[in-house]
Amino acid sequence: MDSFKKFGYLDHDFKMFHLVDRQRKDFAFHYHDFNKIIIFLKGNINYSIEGKNYTLMPYDIVLVNAGEIHRPSVIDATDYERIIIYVSTQFLYAYKQEDYDLNYCFESAKKEKSSVLRIHSLDKSKLYQVCLELEHSFSDEAFANELYQRILFLEFMIQLNRTVISQHINYLDSSIASTKLIQILDYINCHLSDEITIEKISACFYLNRYYLMHFFKEETGYTIGNYITEKRLLLAKSLVQSGCPVTQACFQSGFKNYSTFSRAFKKAFHTVPKNAQFIN
């Protein structure tokens, strides 16, 4: 059985990278168990996220929620430059209050059904200036730099959310997308707590089960079974981190047997479910 490829290991609340690929590179579909922000700077790139494809322009901001399968497709040999920020879902939960939620930008992207923000004159904005200062802090060794870095990151997230809330953005429409795949993904994600079988999905969308399995693997790189399992594990992790009892999280995320759930959880996150609050 094929398995998901989980890329990037986050052992801090957040990490930042400035990457430039000067040769054309192929990327496989993959996912992370943390949120990801990409500030696209240069290149000729189509970005695929959960069945939707976006043609990027310089200074577009790409928001990838934890568990969303994605990959960039490099069109030609033009330098591919971007700033990438990994941010722990648990870190964002810690800064959720009645009057603010740093995870708002990610939730808004899901609500708008678009993962790409196009912000007018981003390169001249306070948001981008804070981003550059945050990047510089990773190579700085000045007094209390770790504390200063955290303050800058919080300011970056505040500025990003303020920009989204003020609606000084455009949510980019997907340029090319498989409507059928998006419908299937939506169906799965809306029914994670229910029993989901290939037979049910194929009947719902009037597809031959063998065609469905081939189609899904061809479009996403993953089998339907593995996609469902990984999504359920990420949902269970999120539920426990938000205070849900472990047993309740197990069944609420669609697992029928606690032992099976516990083994799968430990294999995926290298700890038992009750310790989910300590996972980034």
Protein backbone atom coordinates (compact mmCIF):
# COMPACT_ATOMS: atom_id res chain seq x y z
CA MET A 1 0.00 0.00 0.00
CA ASP A 2 1.27 3.47 -0.86
CA SER A 3 1.75 5.89 2.00
CA PHE A 4 1.59 9.62 2.26
CA LYS A 5 4.80 11.56 2.09
CA LYS A 6 4.96 13.97 5.00
CA PHE A 7 7.62 16.60 4.32
CA GLY A 8 9.25 19.03 6.71
CA TYR A 9 9.77 18.38 10.39
CA LEU A 10 8.85 21.21 12.75
CA ASP A 11 10.50 21.08 16.16
CA HIS A 12 9.91 24.76 16.97
CA ASP A 13 6.83 26.98 17.05
CA PHE A 14 7.80 28.37 13.67
CA LYS A 15 10.59 28.20 11.09
CA MET A 16 11.49 30.37 8.13
CA PHE A 17 13.40 29.63 4.93
CA HIS A 18 14.39 31.75 1.93
CA LEU A 19 14.88 29.33 -0.95
CA VAL A 20 16.03 29.76 -4.53
CA ASP A 21 16.06 26.87 -7.02
CA ARG A 22 18.22 27.82 -9.99
CA GLN A 23 17.54 24.60 -11.87
CA ARG A 24 14.17 23.14 -12.78
CA LYS A 25 13.04 20.71 -10.09
CA ASP A 26 10.14 18.28 -9.84
CA PHE A 27 8.16 18.20 -6.59
CA ALA A 28 5.98 15.31 -5.41
CA PHE A 29 2.59 15.75 -3.80
CA HIS A 30 3.03 15.94 -0.03
CA TYR A 31 1.49 17.31 3.15
CA HIS A 32 2.60 18.70 6.52
CA ASP A 33 1.07 18.38 9.98
CA PHE A 34 1.67 22.11 10.51
CA ASN A 35 0.50 25.20 8.62
CA LYS A 36 2.61 26.66 5.84
CA ILE A 37 2.90 30.18 4.43
CA ILE A 38 4.68 30.82 1.14
CA ILE A 39 5.53 34.30 -0.12
CA PHE A 40 6.23 33.73 -3.79
CA LEU A 41 8.95 36.02 -5.17
CA LYS A 42 10.07 34.78 -8.59
CA GLY A 43 9.52 32.00 -11.12
CA ASN A 44 6.99 30.45 -13.43
CA ILE A 45 4.94 28.29 -11.10
CA ASN A 46 1.57 26.58 -10.89
CA TYR A 47 0.72 25.64 -7.32
CA SER A 48 -1.65 22.73 -6.68
CA ILE A 49 -3.49 22.46 -3.36
CA GLU A 50 -6.23 19.90 -2.69
CA GLY A 51 -7.16 19.57 -6.36
CA LYS A 52 -7.02 23.29 -7.20
CA ASN A 53 -4.27 24.84 -9.33
CA TYR A 54 -3.10 28.44 -9.08
CA THR A 55 -0.87 30.37 -11.47
CA LEU A 56 1.28 32.50 -9.16
CA MET A 57 2.52 36.05 -9.58
CA PRO A 58 5.36 37.66 -7.60
CA TYR A 59 4.33 38.55 -4.02
CA ASP A 60 1.34 36.22 -3.95
CA ILE A 61 0.89 34.65 -0.52
CA VAL A 62 0.02 30.95 -0.45
CA LEU A 63 -1.65 29.56 2.69
CA VAL A 64 -1.53 25.78 3.11
CA ASN A 65 -3.48 24.37 6.04
CA ALA A 66 -2.09 21.38 7.91
CA GLY A 67 -2.96 18.16 6.11
CA GLU A 68 -3.66 19.71 2.71
CA ILE A 69 -1.88 17.85 -0.08
CA HIS A 70 0.02 20.21 -2.33
CA ARG A 71 2.91 20.70 -4.69
CA PRO A 72 4.42 23.40 -6.91
CA SER A 73 4.80 22.63 -10.60
CA VAL A 74 7.81 24.37 -12.11
CA ILE A 75 7.02 25.39 -15.70
CA ASP A 76 10.47 26.29 -16.98
CA ALA A 77 14.09 26.93 -15.97
CA THR A 78 13.42 30.39 -14.50
CA ASP A 79 14.78 30.77 -10.95
CA TYR A 80 12.13 29.71 -8.41
CA GLU A 81 12.43 31.97 -5.35
CA ARG A 82 10.17 32.01 -2.31
CA ILE A 83 10.05 32.63 1.43
CA ILE A 84 8.52 29.73 3.36
CA ILE A 85 7.24 29.86 6.92
CA TYR A 86 6.22 26.77 8.88
CA VAL A 87 3.98 27.49 11.87
CA SER A 88 2.79 25.06 14.52
CA THR A 89 -0.97 24.63 14.79
CA GLN A 90 -0.54 24.33 18.56
CA PHE A 91 1.29 27.67 18.62
CA LEU A 92 -1.64 29.33 16.84
CA TYR A 93 -4.14 27.73 19.25
CA ALA A 94 -2.22 29.27 22.15
CA TYR A 95 -2.94 32.75 20.78
CA LYS A 96 -6.67 32.30 20.27
CA GLN A 97 -8.79 34.62 22.40
CA GLU A 98 -12.34 35.93 22.25
CA ASP A 99 -11.29 39.08 20.40
CA TYR A 100 -8.58 37.67 18.13
CA ASP A 101 -7.41 34.46 16.48
CA LEU A 102 -4.08 34.23 14.66
CA ASN A 103 -5.42 31.26 12.73
CA TYR A 104 -8.10 33.47 11.14
CA CYS A 105 -6.21 33.85 7.85
CA PHE A 106 -6.04 30.07 7.40
CA GLU A 107 -9.71 29.62 8.31
CA SER A 108 -10.64 32.44 5.95
CA ALA A 109 -8.76 30.75 3.10
CA LYS A 110 -10.80 27.57 3.68
CA LYS A 111 -14.05 29.56 3.83
CA GLU A 112 -13.25 31.41 0.61
CA LYS A 113 -12.15 28.13 -1.01
CA SER A 114 -8.94 29.77 -2.19
CA SER A 115 -5.43 29.28 -0.83
CA VAL A 116 -3.74 32.21 -2.57
CA LEU A 117 -3.90 35.87 -1.51
CA ARG A 118 -3.03 38.60 -3.98
CA ILE A 119 -2.25 41.79 -2.06
CA HIS A 120 -1.82 45.09 -3.87
CA SER A 121 1.76 46.45 -3.44
CA LEU A 122 2.71 43.78 -0.91
CA ASP A 123 6.39 44.63 -1.44
CA LYS A 124 5.72 48.15 -0.10
CA SER A 125 3.53 47.06 2.81
CA LYS A 126 4.25 46.92 6.52
CA LEU A 127 3.50 43.19 6.36
CA TYR A 128 6.36 42.59 3.93
CA GLN A 129 8.76 44.84 5.87
CA VAL A 130 8.08 42.83 9.02
CA CYS A 131 8.63 39.66 7.00
CA LEU A 132 12.07 40.87 5.89
CA GLU A 133 12.99 41.88 9.42
CA LEU A 134 11.88 38.46 10.67
CA GLU A 135 14.03 36.80 8.02
CA HIS A 136 17.04 38.87 9.08
CA SER A 137 16.51 37.85 12.72
CA PHE A 138 17.30 34.22 11.86
CA SER A 139 20.90 35.20 11.08
CA ASP A 140 21.23 37.76 13.87
CA GLU A 141 22.86 37.07 17.23
CA ALA A 142 22.01 40.33 18.96
CA PHE A 143 20.78 40.60 22.55
CA ALA A 144 17.58 38.64 23.29
CA ASN A 145 17.31 37.66 19.65
CA GLU A 146 15.10 34.62 20.27
CA LEU A 147 12.58 36.78 22.13
CA TYR A 148 12.79 39.48 19.46
CA GLN A 149 12.26 36.84 16.77
CA ARG A 150 9.08 35.65 18.48
CA ILE A 151 7.82 39.22 18.76
CA LEU A 152 8.49 39.78 15.05
CA PHE A 153 6.72 36.57 14.12
CA LEU A 154 3.67 37.54 16.18
CA GLU A 155 3.70 40.96 14.49
CA PHE A 156 3.92 39.26 11.09
CA MET A 157 0.89 37.07 11.89
CA ILE A 158 -1.02 40.08 13.26
CA GLN A 159 -0.28 42.13 10.12
CA LEU A 160 -1.27 39.20 7.88
CA ASN A 161 -4.58 38.75 9.68
CA ARG A 162 -5.26 42.49 9.72
CA THR A 163 -4.73 42.56 5.96
CA VAL A 164 -7.16 39.66 5.49
CA ILE A 165 -9.76 41.20 7.82
CA SER A 166 -9.51 44.60 6.13
CA GLN A 167 -10.22 42.84 2.81
CA HIS A 168 -7.34 44.63 1.08
CA ILE A 169 -6.73 41.38 -0.79
CA ASN A 170 -8.00 39.30 -3.67
CA TYR A 171 -8.51 35.56 -3.24
CA LEU A 172 -7.10 34.04 -6.40
CA ASP A 173 -9.41 31.78 -8.38
CA SER A 174 -7.99 28.42 -9.33
CA SER A 175 -7.00 28.61 -12.97
CA ILE A 176 -7.30 24.89 -13.78
CA ALA A 177 -9.08 22.44 -11.54
CA SER A 178 -10.75 19.05 -11.71
CA THR A 179 -14.28 19.77 -10.52
CA LYS A 180 -14.89 16.08 -9.88
CA LEU A 181 -11.77 15.76 -7.71
CA ILE A 182 -12.66 18.83 -5.67
CA GLN A 183 -16.14 17.43 -5.09
CA ILE A 184 -14.68 14.10 -3.94
CA LEU A 185 -12.21 15.82 -1.59
CA ASP A 186 -14.99 17.99 -0.16
CA TYR A 187 -17.16 14.92 0.35
CA ILE A 188 -14.41 13.09 2.23
CA ASN A 189 -13.53 16.07 4.42
CA CYS A 190 -17.19 16.68 5.29
CA HIS A 191 -17.77 13.02 6.26
CA LEU A 192 -14.61 12.14 8.23
CA SER A 193 -16.65 11.20 11.30
CA ASP A 194 -18.87 8.90 9.21
CA GLU A 195 -18.13 5.55 7.61
CA ILE A 196 -16.50 6.25 4.24
CA THR A 197 -15.96 3.50 1.71
CA ILE A 198 -14.85 3.49 -1.91
CA GLU A 199 -18.23 1.96 -2.74
CA LYS A 200 -20.07 4.89 -1.11
CA ILE A 201 -17.93 7.47 -2.90
CA SER A 202 -18.24 5.75 -6.27
CA ALA A 203 -22.03 5.51 -5.85
CA CYS A 204 -22.30 9.15 -4.78
CA PHE A 205 -20.43 10.37 -7.88
CA TYR A 206 -21.63 7.68 -10.31
CA LEU A 207 -18.10 6.41 -10.92
CA ASN A 208 -16.79 2.90 -11.39
CA ARG A 209 -14.82 2.02 -8.22
CA TYR A 210 -11.70 1.03 -10.17
CA TYR A 211 -11.85 4.20 -12.25
CA LEU A 212 -12.32 6.20 -9.03
CA MET A 213 -9.25 4.68 -7.37
CA HIS A 214 -7.10 5.22 -10.48
CA PHE A 215 -8.43 8.76 -10.97
CA PHE A 216 -7.79 9.76 -7.34
CA LYS A 217 -4.24 8.36 -7.33
CA GLU A 218 -3.47 9.99 -10.68
CA GLU A 219 -4.72 13.40 -9.55
CA THR A 220 -3.32 13.47 -6.01
CA GLY A 221 -0.50 10.95 -5.89
CA TYR A 222 -2.21 9.10 -3.02
CA THR A 223 -4.68 6.29 -2.47
CA ILE A 224 -8.15 7.13 -1.16
CA GLY A 225 -7.64 4.96 1.93
CA ASN A 226 -4.42 6.67 2.96
CA TYR A 227 -5.87 10.12 2.33
CA ILE A 228 -8.86 9.37 4.60
CA THR A 229 -6.67 7.90 7.36
CA GLU A 230 -4.26 10.84 7.39
CA LYS A 231 -7.09 13.37 7.41
CA ARG A 232 -8.72 11.56 10.33
CA LEU A 233 -5.47 11.51 12.29
CA LEU A 234 -4.96 15.23 11.76
CA LEU A 235 -8.55 15.89 12.82
CA ALA A 236 -8.07 13.78 15.96
CA LYS A 237 -4.85 15.61 16.78
CA SER A 238 -6.61 18.95 16.37
CA LEU A 239 -9.52 17.84 18.57
CA VAL A 240 -7.24 16.69 21.41
CA GLN A 241 -5.18 19.88 21.20
CA SER A 242 -8.39 21.91 21.52
CA GLY A 243 -9.34 20.06 24.73
CA CYS A 244 -11.43 17.14 23.48
CA PRO A 245 -11.04 13.88 25.49
CA VAL A 246 -8.89 11.36 23.61
CA THR A 247 -11.55 8.64 23.35
CA GLN A 248 -14.11 11.14 22.08
CA ALA A 249 -11.59 12.49 19.55
CA CYS A 250 -10.97 8.94 18.31
CA PHE A 251 -14.61 8.26 17.45
CA GLN A 252 -15.41 11.83 16.42
CA SER A 253 -12.68 11.65 13.78
CA GLY A 254 -14.14 8.48 12.29
CA PHE A 255 -12.11 5.68 13.87
CA LYS A 256 -14.20 2.71 15.00
CA ASN A 257 -11.57 1.02 17.16
CA TYR A 258 -9.43 2.78 19.77
CA SER A 259 -6.51 0.35 19.51
CA THR A 260 -6.30 0.83 15.74
CA PHE A 261 -6.52 4.60 16.23
CA SER A 262 -3.81 4.63 18.92
CA ARG A 263 -1.37 2.59 16.81
CA ALA A 264 -1.95 4.77 13.74
CA PHE A 265 -1.59 7.94 15.79
CA LYS A 266 1.70 6.80 17.34
CA LYS A 267 3.06 5.80 13.93
CA ALA A 268 2.12 9.19 12.43
CA PHE A 269 3.14 11.50 15.28
CA HIS A 270 5.63 9.37 17.26
CA THR A 271 3.69 9.72 20.50
CA VAL A 272 0.46 8.47 22.08
CA PRO A 273 -2.79 10.42 21.55
CA LYS A 274 -2.94 11.77 25.10
CA ASN A 275 0.31 13.65 24.41
CA ALA A 276 -1.11 15.40 21.34
CA GLN A 277 -1.00 18.75 23.14
CA PHE A 278 2.80 18.55 23.08
CA ILE A 279 2.98 18.06 19.30
CA ASN A 280 3.71 21.07 17.15
